[in-house]
Amino acid sequence: MSAVAEVPVTPPSAASAGWQQRLASLDRGARLRLGAAALLLLGVIAAAFFYGRSPDYRVLFSGLNDKDGGAIVAQLTTMNVPYKYTEGGGAIMVPAERVHDVRLRLATQGLPKGSVTGFELMETNRFGVTQFQERLNFQRGLEGELTRSIQALASVQSARVHLALPNQNGFFREQQKPSASVLVSLYPGRMLDRAQLAGIVHLVASSVPELAPSAVSVLDDSGKLLSQSPDGAAGNGVDAQQLAYVQQIEQQYTRRILDLLEPVVGKNNVKAQVTAEVDFNQTESTVEQHRP
């Protein structure tokens, strides 16, 4: 007759009672640390679960103005398409597998309306287009191409180019010369230096026949004239050296504001822009004379 060894089995109630006794034997600090570790573990598990289920997002549109951005968000809400913004808020993102479908559906609604159109306007000319319509499409296309080139600058957020081209025919040429105006909207804390302004003026002037650089005006979105006249003076009577001094002051104060606020609110959570008004009407000079 064989002997059978019996292994004692601890009932579940006894095991739970043992854990309770162990927890009770711990001091308060140890229990707090154990609870914090458990909460942290649960948080990591939950984050991994939700992150694994969240779709991959891709940029739908970027560089939108407020009007187009609001219209697109309203349409996405109507279409039940989830969306989110990039960290800087400069682009709208949707799930990657729906990017192309959403773009096509928004295009049927005419969105975004603020997109720049260039010389592709000339490709859509139909047979029977009048000379006036062809000339108007060429002007709009040239304005769009210049706008695209100016918006390629790192400091420029958006731009608009307006060309005033005199009508010319085969009998005589009007004495009126062409002119152009450029409206630029800069990123906060950015500015255009003299070389960049001269480059914009040269780009526009060289793209239009008989357009003199002095007939090109560059303004910012506050209406301030940025371009300079041929004699080196800006439209407000400030020469190049004084303008550089004003820009230096604006940059210094902008940097000081950022240095003060970034440690408090975060590096990418504050934007500053300074406009300095310096009175150059009065001058102060000191003269030292030495007589033997």
Foldseek 3Di string as FASTA:
>chain_A
DDDDDDDDDDDPVVVVVVVVVVLVPDDPVVNVVVVVVVVVVVVVVVVVVVVVVDADKDFQDFLDDPVLVVVLVVVCVVVVWDWDADPLRGTIIGGPVCNVVSNVVVVVVVPPVPDFAALVLVVPDDPPDDPVVNVVSNQSRVQSVLQVVLCVDPFFSGKGKDKDCDDDDDPDGDPDAIAMEMETETDFLDDDAQVSLVVSLCVVQVVDPRRDSQRYWYAYPVGDTDDPHPVQATPVRHHNVRVVVQVVVFNVVQVVVQVVPCVPPHNSPDGHGDGDDDDPPDDDDDDDDDDD
